[in-house]
Amino acid sequence: MTSLASSATSRVPATWVEGAVRQAIAGDEVAFARIVDAYHGDLVRVAYVVTGDVQSAQDAAQAAWSIAWRKLGSLRDPERVRPWLVSVAANEARQIIRRQHRQQVAEIKLGPQGDAWRDPSADVDRLDLLDAVRRLKAEDRSLLALRYVAGLDSNEIGTFVGMSPSGVRGHLSRLLRRLRRELHDG
């Protein structure tokens, strides 16, 4: 299973990506498998932020790969495969949320038991943030995931969600303000 703890995003050389995408479009399953290997963790992390559930995130990523294989030929710029893929995963995660119509509970590992005493306020702050993010609409969690988990910029996000870059920045700014307000009021 892919670890969700790592927040580092995959950085693959553009020349490698372009070649692998072109080969995969031509039907090369091995090239597609290399793309999956390079970006699967990113898709799962983005989907996890949207769903709040490890299994649902894995399901969303798997569905995204199926869609990617079918629609890879529609990708205009092979160098933009990563933003396209994480957007597909975010969309699939939102679809899972809609189908489930229930609140998910995320398992949070607070660290190994038996460690020397440590300040528990860091864990409480993390729980408060997770709770505040969970109260957002799936579409808002998706924007946050695309920006802060996948590392996409407002131009890339706007392309995939149908908003202008300034609209994306404004929406993200309002979301962050709301989260800060909730965390300080709580």
N, C-alpha and C. Protein backbone atom coordinates (compact mmCIF):
# COMPACT_ATOMS: atom_id res chain seq x y z
N MET A 1 0.84 -1.17 0.00
CA MET A 1 0.00 0.00 0.00
C MET A 1 0.89 1.23 0.00
N THR A 2 0.48 2.26 -0.70
CA THR A 2 1.25 3.49 -0.78
C THR A 2 1.16 4.24 0.53
N SER A 3 2.26 4.74 1.02
CA SER A 3 2.27 5.52 2.24
C SER A 3 1.65 6.88 1.99
N LEU A 4 0.80 7.30 2.92
CA LEU A 4 0.18 8.61 2.79
C LEU A 4 0.95 9.65 3.58
N ALA A 5 1.92 9.23 4.34
CA ALA A 5 2.64 10.15 5.21
C ALA A 5 3.54 11.10 4.43
N SER A 6 4.10 10.66 3.36
CA SER A 6 5.02 11.49 2.60
C SER A 6 4.26 12.57 1.84
N SER A 7 4.69 13.81 2.00
CA SER A 7 4.02 14.89 1.28
C SER A 7 4.87 15.37 0.10
N ALA A 8 5.99 14.74 -0.10
CA ALA A 8 6.83 15.13 -1.24
C ALA A 8 6.15 14.70 -2.53
N THR A 9 6.19 15.57 -3.51
CA THR A 9 5.57 15.25 -4.78
C THR A 9 6.61 14.69 -5.73
N SER A 10 6.15 13.86 -6.63
CA SER A 10 7.06 13.26 -7.61
C SER A 10 7.56 14.33 -8.57
N ARG A 11 8.84 14.33 -8.77
CA ARG A 11 9.43 15.22 -9.77
C ARG A 11 10.19 14.35 -10.75
N VAL A 12 9.64 14.23 -11.91
CA VAL A 12 10.20 13.37 -12.95
C VAL A 12 10.67 14.27 -14.07
N PRO A 13 11.83 14.01 -14.65
CA PRO A 13 12.32 14.87 -15.74
C PRO A 13 11.30 14.96 -16.88
N ALA A 14 11.13 16.18 -17.39
CA ALA A 14 10.13 16.45 -18.43
C ALA A 14 10.37 15.61 -19.68
N THR A 15 11.62 15.38 -20.03
CA THR A 15 11.90 14.59 -21.23
C THR A 15 11.45 13.14 -21.06
N TRP A 16 11.64 12.61 -19.87
CA TRP A 16 11.19 11.25 -19.58
C TRP A 16 9.67 11.18 -19.66
N VAL A 17 8.99 12.14 -19.06
CA VAL A 17 7.53 12.16 -19.03
C VAL A 17 6.98 12.22 -20.45
N GLU A 18 7.48 13.14 -21.22
CA GLU A 18 6.98 13.30 -22.59
C GLU A 18 7.13 12.01 -23.39
N GLY A 19 8.28 11.38 -23.29
CA GLY A 19 8.51 10.13 -24.02
C GLY A 19 7.60 9.01 -23.54
N ALA A 20 7.47 8.88 -22.23
CA ALA A 20 6.62 7.82 -21.68
C ALA A 20 5.16 8.03 -22.05
N VAL A 21 4.70 9.28 -22.02
CA VAL A 21 3.31 9.57 -22.38
C VAL A 21 3.07 9.25 -23.85
N ARG A 22 3.97 9.67 -24.70
CA ARG A 22 3.80 9.39 -26.13
C ARG A 22 3.78 7.88 -26.40
N GLN A 23 4.64 7.14 -25.71
CA GLN A 23 4.66 5.68 -25.88
C GLN A 23 3.37 5.06 -25.36
N ALA A 24 2.89 5.54 -24.22
CA ALA A 24 1.65 5.01 -23.64
C ALA A 24 0.46 5.31 -24.55
N ILE A 25 0.44 6.51 -25.13
CA ILE A 25 -0.64 6.86 -26.07
C ILE A 25 -0.65 5.89 -27.24
N ALA A 26 0.54 5.47 -27.64
CA ALA A 26 0.66 4.53 -28.76
C ALA A 26 0.31 3.10 -28.34
N GLY A 27 -0.04 2.91 -27.06
CA GLY A 27 -0.46 1.59 -26.60
C GLY A 27 0.57 0.81 -25.82
N ASP A 28 1.71 1.43 -25.51
CA ASP A 28 2.78 0.76 -24.78
C ASP A 28 2.39 0.65 -23.30
N GLU A 29 2.00 -0.54 -22.87
CA GLU A 29 1.57 -0.75 -21.49
C GLU A 29 2.72 -0.62 -20.50
N VAL A 30 3.92 -0.95 -20.90
CA VAL A 30 5.08 -0.81 -20.02
C VAL A 30 5.34 0.66 -19.74
N ALA A 31 5.24 1.50 -20.75
CA ALA A 31 5.42 2.94 -20.55
C ALA A 31 4.34 3.48 -19.60
N PHE A 32 3.11 3.01 -19.78
CA PHE A 32 2.04 3.44 -18.88
C PHE A 32 2.31 2.98 -17.45
N ALA A 33 2.83 1.78 -17.29
CA ALA A 33 3.17 1.26 -15.96
C ALA A 33 4.24 2.14 -15.30
N ARG A 34 5.19 2.64 -16.11
CA ARG A 34 6.21 3.56 -15.56
C ARG A 34 5.57 4.86 -15.10
N ILE A 35 4.59 5.35 -15.82
CA ILE A 35 3.87 6.57 -15.43
C ILE A 35 3.12 6.31 -14.11
N VAL A 36 2.46 5.16 -14.03
CA VAL A 36 1.75 4.80 -12.80
C VAL A 36 2.73 4.76 -11.63
N ASP A 37 3.88 4.12 -11.83
CA ASP A 37 4.87 4.02 -10.77
C ASP A 37 5.36 5.41 -10.32
N ALA A 38 5.52 6.31 -11.26
CA ALA A 38 6.04 7.65 -10.94
C ALA A 38 5.02 8.51 -10.20
N TYR A 39 3.73 8.36 -10.48
CA TYR A 39 2.75 9.31 -9.98
C TYR A 39 1.67 8.73 -9.07
N HIS A 40 1.66 7.44 -8.83
CA HIS A 40 0.59 6.84 -8.04
C HIS A 40 0.49 7.46 -6.64
N GLY A 41 1.61 7.65 -5.99
CA GLY A 41 1.60 8.24 -4.65
C GLY A 41 0.96 9.62 -4.63
N ASP A 42 1.23 10.43 -5.64
CA ASP A 42 0.62 11.76 -5.72
C ASP A 42 -0.89 11.66 -5.82
N LEU A 43 -1.38 10.73 -6.64
CA LEU A 43 -2.82 10.57 -6.82
C LEU A 43 -3.49 10.13 -5.52
N VAL A 44 -2.85 9.20 -4.83
CA VAL A 44 -3.42 8.72 -3.57
C VAL A 44 -3.45 9.83 -2.52
N ARG A 45 -2.38 10.61 -2.41
CA ARG A 45 -2.34 11.69 -1.42
C ARG A 45 -3.42 12.73 -1.69
N VAL A 46 -3.59 13.12 -2.94
CA VAL A 46 -4.64 14.10 -3.28
C VAL A 46 -6.01 13.52 -2.97
N ALA A 47 -6.25 12.29 -3.36
CA ALA A 47 -7.55 11.66 -3.11
C ALA A 47 -7.80 11.50 -1.61
N TYR A 48 -6.76 11.26 -0.84
CA TYR A 48 -6.92 11.12 0.61
C TYR A 48 -7.39 12.42 1.24
N VAL A 49 -6.83 13.54 0.80
CA VAL A 49 -7.26 14.82 1.35
C VAL A 49 -8.74 15.05 1.06
N VAL A 50 -9.19 14.64 -0.11
CA VAL A 50 -10.59 14.83 -0.49
C VAL A 50 -11.51 13.87 0.27
N THR A 51 -11.12 12.60 0.38
CA THR A 51 -12.01 11.60 0.98
C THR A 51 -11.82 11.43 2.48
N GLY A 52 -10.61 11.62 2.97
CA GLY A 52 -10.34 11.41 4.38
C GLY A 52 -10.27 9.94 4.76
N ASP A 53 -10.16 9.06 3.78
CA ASP A 53 -10.18 7.63 4.05
C ASP A 53 -9.15 6.95 3.15
N VAL A 54 -8.31 6.12 3.72
CA VAL A 54 -7.23 5.48 2.97
C VAL A 54 -7.78 4.60 1.85
N GLN A 55 -8.76 3.75 2.18
CA GLN A 55 -9.29 2.84 1.17
C GLN A 55 -9.99 3.61 0.04
N SER A 56 -10.75 4.63 0.39
CA SER A 56 -11.42 5.44 -0.64
C SER A 56 -10.40 6.16 -1.51
N ALA A 57 -9.31 6.60 -0.91
CA ALA A 57 -8.26 7.27 -1.68
C ALA A 57 -7.63 6.28 -2.66
N GLN A 58 -7.38 5.07 -2.20
CA GLN A 58 -6.83 4.04 -3.09
C GLN A 58 -7.81 3.74 -4.23
N ASP A 59 -9.09 3.65 -3.89
CA ASP A 59 -10.12 3.38 -4.91
C ASP A 59 -10.17 4.51 -5.94
N ALA A 60 -10.10 5.74 -5.47
CA ALA A 60 -10.13 6.90 -6.38
C ALA A 60 -8.92 6.89 -7.30
N ALA A 61 -7.75 6.59 -6.75
CA ALA A 61 -6.54 6.54 -7.57
C ALA A 61 -6.65 5.43 -8.62
N GLN A 62 -7.16 4.28 -8.21
CA GLN A 62 -7.31 3.18 -9.16
C GLN A 62 -8.28 3.56 -10.28
N ALA A 63 -9.39 4.19 -9.93
CA ALA A 63 -10.35 4.63 -10.94
C ALA A 63 -9.71 5.67 -11.86
N ALA A 64 -8.89 6.54 -11.29
CA ALA A 64 -8.22 7.58 -12.08
C ALA A 64 -7.27 6.94 -13.11
N TRP A 65 -6.58 5.87 -12.71
CA TRP A 65 -5.67 5.21 -13.66
C TRP A 65 -6.44 4.57 -14.81
N SER A 66 -7.59 4.02 -14.52
CA SER A 66 -8.41 3.43 -15.57
C SER A 66 -8.85 4.51 -16.57
N ILE A 67 -9.28 5.64 -16.04
CA ILE A 67 -9.68 6.76 -16.90
C ILE A 67 -8.48 7.28 -17.69
N ALA A 68 -7.35 7.39 -17.01
CA ALA A 68 -6.14 7.90 -17.67
C ALA A 68 -5.75 7.02 -18.85
N TRP A 69 -5.83 5.72 -18.68
CA TRP A 69 -5.46 4.82 -19.77
C TRP A 69 -6.38 5.03 -20.97
N ARG A 70 -7.67 5.18 -20.71
CA ARG A 70 -8.64 5.38 -21.80
C ARG A 70 -8.52 6.74 -22.46
N LYS A 71 -8.21 7.77 -21.68
CA LYS A 71 -8.26 9.14 -22.20
C LYS A 71 -6.90 9.79 -22.38
N LEU A 72 -5.84 9.04 -22.24
CA LEU A 72 -4.50 9.61 -22.34
C LEU A 72 -4.28 10.30 -23.69
N GLY A 73 -4.88 9.78 -24.73
CA GLY A 73 -4.74 10.38 -26.05
C GLY A 73 -5.34 11.78 -26.15
N SER A 74 -6.21 12.15 -25.22
CA SER A 74 -6.81 13.48 -25.24
C SER A 74 -5.93 14.53 -24.57
N LEU A 75 -4.85 14.10 -23.93
CA LEU A 75 -3.94 15.02 -23.27
C LEU A 75 -3.17 15.82 -24.31
N ARG A 76 -3.34 17.14 -24.30
CA ARG A 76 -2.72 17.99 -25.33
C ARG A 76 -1.22 18.15 -25.14
N ASP A 77 -0.80 18.28 -23.90
CA ASP A 77 0.61 18.53 -23.61
C ASP A 77 1.15 17.41 -22.71
N PRO A 78 1.93 16.49 -23.24
CA PRO A 78 2.44 15.37 -22.44
C PRO A 78 3.21 15.79 -21.19
N GLU A 79 3.81 16.97 -21.20
CA GLU A 79 4.54 17.44 -20.01
C GLU A 79 3.59 17.79 -18.88
N ARG A 80 2.31 17.94 -19.17
CA ARG A 80 1.31 18.32 -18.17
C ARG A 80 0.57 17.10 -17.63
N VAL A 81 1.14 15.92 -17.79
CA VAL A 81 0.45 14.70 -17.39
C VAL A 81 0.20 14.67 -15.88
N ARG A 82 1.13 15.11 -15.06
CA ARG A 82 0.95 15.06 -13.61
C ARG A 82 -0.23 15.90 -13.15
N PRO A 83 -0.32 17.19 -13.54
CA PRO A 83 -1.50 17.96 -13.13
C PRO A 83 -2.81 17.33 -13.62
N TRP A 84 -2.78 16.80 -14.83
CA TRP A 84 -3.97 16.16 -15.37
C TRP A 84 -4.35 14.94 -14.53
N LEU A 85 -3.38 14.13 -14.20
CA LEU A 85 -3.64 12.92 -13.43
C LEU A 85 -4.18 13.23 -12.03
N VAL A 86 -3.56 14.17 -11.33
CA VAL A 86 -4.03 14.47 -9.97
C VAL A 86 -5.42 15.10 -10.01
N SER A 87 -5.73 15.83 -11.07
CA SER A 87 -7.08 16.38 -11.21
C SER A 87 -8.10 15.28 -11.43
N VAL A 88 -7.75 14.30 -12.24
CA VAL A 88 -8.64 13.15 -12.45
C VAL A 88 -8.86 12.42 -11.12
N ALA A 89 -7.80 12.23 -10.35
CA ALA A 89 -7.92 11.56 -9.05
C ALA A 89 -8.80 12.36 -8.10
N ALA A 90 -8.63 13.68 -8.08
CA ALA A 90 -9.46 14.52 -7.22
C ALA A 90 -10.93 14.42 -7.63
N ASN A 91 -11.19 14.40 -8.92
CA ASN A 91 -12.57 14.26 -9.39
C ASN A 91 -13.15 12.91 -8.99
N GLU A 92 -12.38 11.86 -9.13
CA GLU A 92 -12.85 10.53 -8.74
C GLU A 92 -13.10 10.47 -7.23
N ALA A 93 -12.25 11.13 -6.45
CA ALA A 93 -12.45 11.15 -5.00
C ALA A 93 -13.76 11.86 -4.65
N ARG A 94 -14.05 12.96 -5.34
CA ARG A 94 -15.33 13.66 -5.10
C ARG A 94 -16.51 12.76 -5.47
N GLN A 95 -16.37 11.99 -6.54
CA GLN A 95 -17.44 11.07 -6.93
C GLN A 95 -17.67 10.00 -5.86
N ILE A 96 -16.60 9.51 -5.28
CA ILE A 96 -16.73 8.51 -4.21
C ILE A 96 -17.46 9.11 -3.03
N ILE A 97 -17.12 10.33 -2.67
CA ILE A 97 -17.80 11.01 -1.55
C ILE A 97 -19.29 11.13 -1.86
N ARG A 98 -19.61 11.54 -3.06
CA ARG A 98 -21.02 11.68 -3.44
C ARG A 98 -21.75 10.34 -3.34
N ARG A 99 -21.11 9.27 -3.78
CA ARG A 99 -21.74 7.96 -3.75
C ARG A 99 -21.91 7.46 -2.32
N GLN A 100 -21.00 7.75 -1.47
CA GLN A 100 -21.06 7.22 -0.10
C GLN A 100 -22.08 7.95 0.76
N HIS A 101 -22.24 9.23 0.56
CA HIS A 101 -23.19 10.04 1.35
C HIS A 101 -23.06 9.78 2.84
N ARG A 102 -21.84 9.66 3.27
CA ARG A 102 -21.63 9.49 4.70
C ARG A 102 -20.29 10.11 5.07
N GLN A 103 -20.16 10.49 6.30
CA GLN A 103 -18.93 11.10 6.78
C GLN A 103 -17.87 10.03 7.02
N GLN A 104 -16.67 10.28 6.56
CA GLN A 104 -15.57 9.36 6.75
C GLN A 104 -14.80 9.72 8.01
N VAL A 105 -14.24 8.73 8.64
CA VAL A 105 -13.38 8.93 9.79
C VAL A 105 -11.97 8.51 9.37
N ALA A 106 -11.02 9.40 9.57
CA ALA A 106 -9.64 9.09 9.18
C ALA A 106 -8.87 8.55 10.38
N GLU A 107 -8.06 7.56 10.11
CA GLU A 107 -7.17 7.03 11.13
C GLU A 107 -5.95 7.93 11.16
N ILE A 108 -5.60 8.40 12.34
CA ILE A 108 -4.45 9.28 12.48
C ILE A 108 -3.46 8.60 13.42
N LYS A 109 -2.27 8.39 12.91
CA LYS A 109 -1.23 7.79 13.73
C LYS A 109 -0.54 8.91 14.49
N LEU A 110 -0.58 8.81 15.80
CA LEU A 110 -0.03 9.87 16.63
C LEU A 110 1.40 9.58 17.05
N GLY A 111 1.97 8.53 16.57
CA GLY A 111 3.35 8.22 16.89
C GLY A 111 3.44 6.94 17.68
N PRO A 112 4.64 6.40 17.76
CA PRO A 112 4.81 5.14 18.49
C PRO A 112 4.49 5.31 19.97
N GLN A 113 3.89 4.29 20.54
CA GLN A 113 3.59 4.29 21.97
C GLN A 113 4.87 4.05 22.74
N GLY A 114 4.90 4.57 23.95
CA GLY A 114 6.05 4.33 24.80
C GLY A 114 7.18 5.32 24.61
N ASP A 115 7.00 6.30 23.72
CA ASP A 115 8.04 7.32 23.57
C ASP A 115 8.12 8.16 24.84
N ALA A 116 9.21 8.85 24.97
CA ALA A 116 9.34 9.79 26.08
C ALA A 116 8.22 10.82 25.96
N TRP A 117 7.88 11.45 27.07
CA TRP A 117 6.79 12.41 27.07
C TRP A 117 7.03 13.47 26.01
N ARG A 118 5.96 13.83 25.31
CA ARG A 118 6.04 14.91 24.33
C ARG A 118 4.79 15.74 24.47
N ASP A 119 4.86 16.95 24.00
CA ASP A 119 3.74 17.89 24.11
C ASP A 119 2.58 17.41 23.24
N PRO A 120 1.44 17.07 23.83
CA PRO A 120 0.31 16.57 23.04
C PRO A 120 -0.41 17.67 22.27
N SER A 121 -0.10 18.93 22.51
CA SER A 121 -0.82 20.01 21.82
C SER A 121 -0.61 19.96 20.31
N ALA A 122 0.54 19.45 19.87
CA ALA A 122 0.77 19.34 18.42
C ALA A 122 -0.23 18.37 17.80
N ASP A 123 -0.50 17.27 18.50
CA ASP A 123 -1.48 16.30 17.99
C ASP A 123 -2.88 16.89 18.02
N VAL A 124 -3.20 17.63 19.06
CA VAL A 124 -4.53 18.26 19.15
C VAL A 124 -4.70 19.26 18.03
N ASP A 125 -3.66 20.07 17.75
CA ASP A 125 -3.74 21.04 16.66
C ASP A 125 -3.94 20.33 15.32
N ARG A 126 -3.27 19.21 15.14
CA ARG A 126 -3.41 18.45 13.90
C ARG A 126 -4.83 17.89 13.77
N LEU A 127 -5.36 17.38 14.87
CA LEU A 127 -6.73 16.87 14.86
C LEU A 127 -7.73 17.98 14.57
N ASP A 128 -7.52 19.16 15.16
CA ASP A 128 -8.39 20.30 14.90
C ASP A 128 -8.36 20.69 13.43
N LEU A 129 -7.17 20.72 12.83
CA LEU A 129 -7.05 21.07 11.42
C LEU A 129 -7.75 20.03 10.56
N LEU A 130 -7.51 18.75 10.84
CA LEU A 130 -8.18 17.70 10.06
C LEU A 130 -9.69 17.80 10.18
N ASP A 131 -10.17 18.08 11.37
CA ASP A 131 -11.61 18.23 11.57
C ASP A 131 -12.15 19.42 10.79
N ALA A 132 -11.43 20.54 10.81
CA ALA A 132 -11.86 21.73 10.07
C ALA A 132 -11.86 21.46 8.56
N VAL A 133 -10.85 20.77 8.06
CA VAL A 133 -10.79 20.45 6.63
C VAL A 133 -11.93 19.51 6.27
N ARG A 134 -12.24 18.55 7.12
CA ARG A 134 -13.33 17.60 6.84
C ARG A 134 -14.69 18.28 6.73
N ARG A 135 -14.84 19.41 7.41
CA ARG A 135 -16.13 20.11 7.35
C ARG A 135 -16.31 20.89 6.05
N LEU A 136 -15.23 21.04 5.28
CA LEU A 136 -15.33 21.72 3.98
C LEU A 136 -16.04 20.82 2.97
N LYS A 137 -16.61 21.43 1.95
CA LYS A 137 -17.19 20.66 0.85
C LYS A 137 -16.07 19.91 0.13
N ALA A 138 -16.43 18.81 -0.51
CA ALA A 138 -15.45 18.00 -1.23
C ALA A 138 -14.73 18.83 -2.29
N GLU A 139 -15.44 19.73 -2.96
CA GLU A 139 -14.83 20.56 -3.99
C GLU A 139 -13.76 21.48 -3.40
N ASP A 140 -14.03 21.98 -2.19
CA ASP A 140 -13.05 22.85 -1.52
C ASP A 140 -11.84 22.04 -1.07
N ARG A 141 -12.08 20.84 -0.53
CA ARG A 141 -10.95 19.97 -0.14
C ARG A 141 -10.12 19.62 -1.36
N SER A 142 -10.80 19.45 -2.49
CA SER A 142 -10.08 19.13 -3.73
C SER A 142 -9.16 20.27 -4.13
N LEU A 143 -9.64 21.51 -4.06
CA LEU A 143 -8.78 22.66 -4.38
C LEU A 143 -7.57 22.70 -3.46
N LEU A 144 -7.81 22.51 -2.16
CA LEU A 144 -6.69 22.52 -1.21
C LEU A 144 -5.70 21.40 -1.53
N ALA A 145 -6.20 20.23 -1.87
CA ALA A 145 -5.32 19.10 -2.18
C ALA A 145 -4.51 19.37 -3.44
N LEU A 146 -5.16 19.91 -4.47
CA LEU A 146 -4.44 20.18 -5.71
C LEU A 146 -3.33 21.21 -5.48
N ARG A 147 -3.60 22.19 -4.61
CA ARG A 147 -2.60 23.23 -4.37
C ARG A 147 -1.51 22.78 -3.39
N TYR A 148 -1.92 22.26 -2.24
CA TYR A 148 -0.96 22.04 -1.17
C TYR A 148 -0.44 20.61 -1.06
N VAL A 149 -1.12 19.65 -1.63
CA VAL A 149 -0.62 18.28 -1.62
C VAL A 149 0.08 17.98 -2.95
N ALA A 150 -0.61 18.31 -4.06
CA ALA A 150 -0.01 18.05 -5.38
C ALA A 150 0.94 19.15 -5.81
N GLY A 151 0.85 20.33 -5.19
CA GLY A 151 1.77 21.42 -5.52
C GLY A 151 1.48 22.11 -6.84
N LEU A 152 0.24 22.00 -7.33
CA LEU A 152 -0.10 22.67 -8.58
C LEU A 152 -0.27 24.16 -8.35
N ASP A 153 0.03 24.98 -9.37
CA ASP A 153 -0.17 26.41 -9.23
C ASP A 153 -1.58 26.78 -9.68
N SER A 154 -1.95 28.04 -9.51
CA SER A 154 -3.33 28.46 -9.80
C SER A 154 -3.67 28.33 -11.28
N ASN A 155 -2.69 28.48 -12.16
CA ASN A 155 -2.94 28.27 -13.59
C ASN A 155 -3.31 26.82 -13.87
N GLU A 156 -2.53 25.90 -13.30
CA GLU A 156 -2.78 24.48 -13.52
C GLU A 156 -4.12 24.06 -12.92
N ILE A 157 -4.39 24.52 -11.71
CA ILE A 157 -5.66 24.16 -11.07
C ILE A 157 -6.83 24.73 -11.87
N GLY A 158 -6.71 25.99 -12.27
CA GLY A 158 -7.78 26.64 -13.02
C GLY A 158 -8.13 25.90 -14.30
N THR A 159 -7.11 25.40 -14.97
CA THR A 159 -7.32 24.65 -16.21
C THR A 159 -8.20 23.44 -15.97
N PHE A 160 -8.00 22.76 -14.86
CA PHE A 160 -8.70 21.51 -14.61
C PHE A 160 -10.03 21.67 -13.89
N VAL A 161 -10.24 22.79 -13.21
CA VAL A 161 -11.51 22.96 -12.50
C VAL A 161 -12.41 23.99 -13.17
N GLY A 162 -11.93 24.60 -14.25
CA GLY A 162 -12.76 25.55 -14.98
C GLY A 162 -12.87 26.90 -14.31
N MET A 163 -11.81 27.35 -13.67
CA MET A 163 -11.79 28.66 -13.02
C MET A 163 -10.60 29.44 -13.57
N SER A 164 -10.68 30.75 -13.45
CA SER A 164 -9.53 31.57 -13.82
C SER A 164 -8.47 31.42 -12.73
N PRO A 165 -7.20 31.66 -13.06
CA PRO A 165 -6.16 31.58 -12.02
C PRO A 165 -6.44 32.53 -10.85
N SER A 166 -6.93 33.73 -11.15
CA SER A 166 -7.22 34.65 -10.04
C SER A 166 -8.41 34.15 -9.23
N GLY A 167 -9.37 33.49 -9.87
CA GLY A 167 -10.49 32.89 -9.15
C GLY A 167 -10.03 31.79 -8.22
N VAL A 168 -9.08 30.98 -8.69
CA VAL A 168 -8.53 29.91 -7.86
C VAL A 168 -7.82 30.52 -6.65
N ARG A 169 -6.97 31.54 -6.90
CA ARG A 169 -6.24 32.17 -5.79
C ARG A 169 -7.20 32.78 -4.78
N GLY A 170 -8.24 33.44 -5.26
CA GLY A 170 -9.22 34.05 -4.37
C GLY A 170 -9.96 33.00 -3.55
N HIS A 171 -10.36 31.93 -4.20
CA HIS A 171 -11.09 30.87 -3.51
C HIS A 171 -10.20 30.21 -2.45
N LEU A 172 -8.95 29.93 -2.81
CA LEU A 172 -8.02 29.35 -1.85
C LEU A 172 -7.78 30.30 -0.67
N SER A 173 -7.66 31.58 -0.96
CA SER A 173 -7.45 32.56 0.09
C SER A 173 -8.63 32.57 1.07
N ARG A 174 -9.85 32.52 0.54
CA ARG A 174 -11.04 32.48 1.41
C ARG A 174 -11.08 31.19 2.23
N LEU A 175 -10.71 30.08 1.60
CA LEU A 175 -10.68 28.81 2.33
C LEU A 175 -9.68 28.85 3.48
N LEU A 176 -8.49 29.37 3.19
CA LEU A 176 -7.47 29.45 4.24
C LEU A 176 -7.90 30.38 5.37
N ARG A 177 -8.52 31.50 5.01
CA ARG A 177 -9.03 32.43 6.03
C ARG A 177 -10.07 31.73 6.90
N ARG A 178 -10.97 30.98 6.26
CA ARG A 178 -12.00 30.25 7.00
C ARG A 178 -11.38 29.23 7.94
N LEU A 179 -10.38 28.47 7.45
CA LEU A 179 -9.73 27.48 8.30
C LEU A 179 -9.02 28.15 9.48
N ARG A 180 -8.33 29.25 9.21
CA ARG A 180 -7.64 29.96 10.30
C ARG A 180 -8.65 30.45 11.36
N ARG A 181 -9.76 30.99 10.89
CA ARG A 181 -10.80 31.49 11.79
C ARG A 181 -11.35 30.35 12.65
N GLU A 182 -11.64 29.22 12.03
CA GLU A 182 -12.16 28.08 12.77
C GLU A 182 -11.16 27.55 13.79
N LEU A 183 -9.88 27.53 13.42
CA LEU A 183 -8.88 27.02 14.33
C LEU A 183 -8.65 27.97 15.51
N HIS A 184 -8.77 29.26 15.27
CA HIS A 184 -8.55 30.22 16.35
C HIS A 184 -9.78 30.38 17.22
N ASP A 185 -10.97 30.13 16.66
CA ASP A 185 -12.19 30.24 17.44
C ASP A 185 -12.45 29.00 18.28
N GLY A 186 -11.87 27.87 17.82
CA GLY A 186 -12.13 26.56 18.49
C GLY A 186 -11.40 26.46 19.72
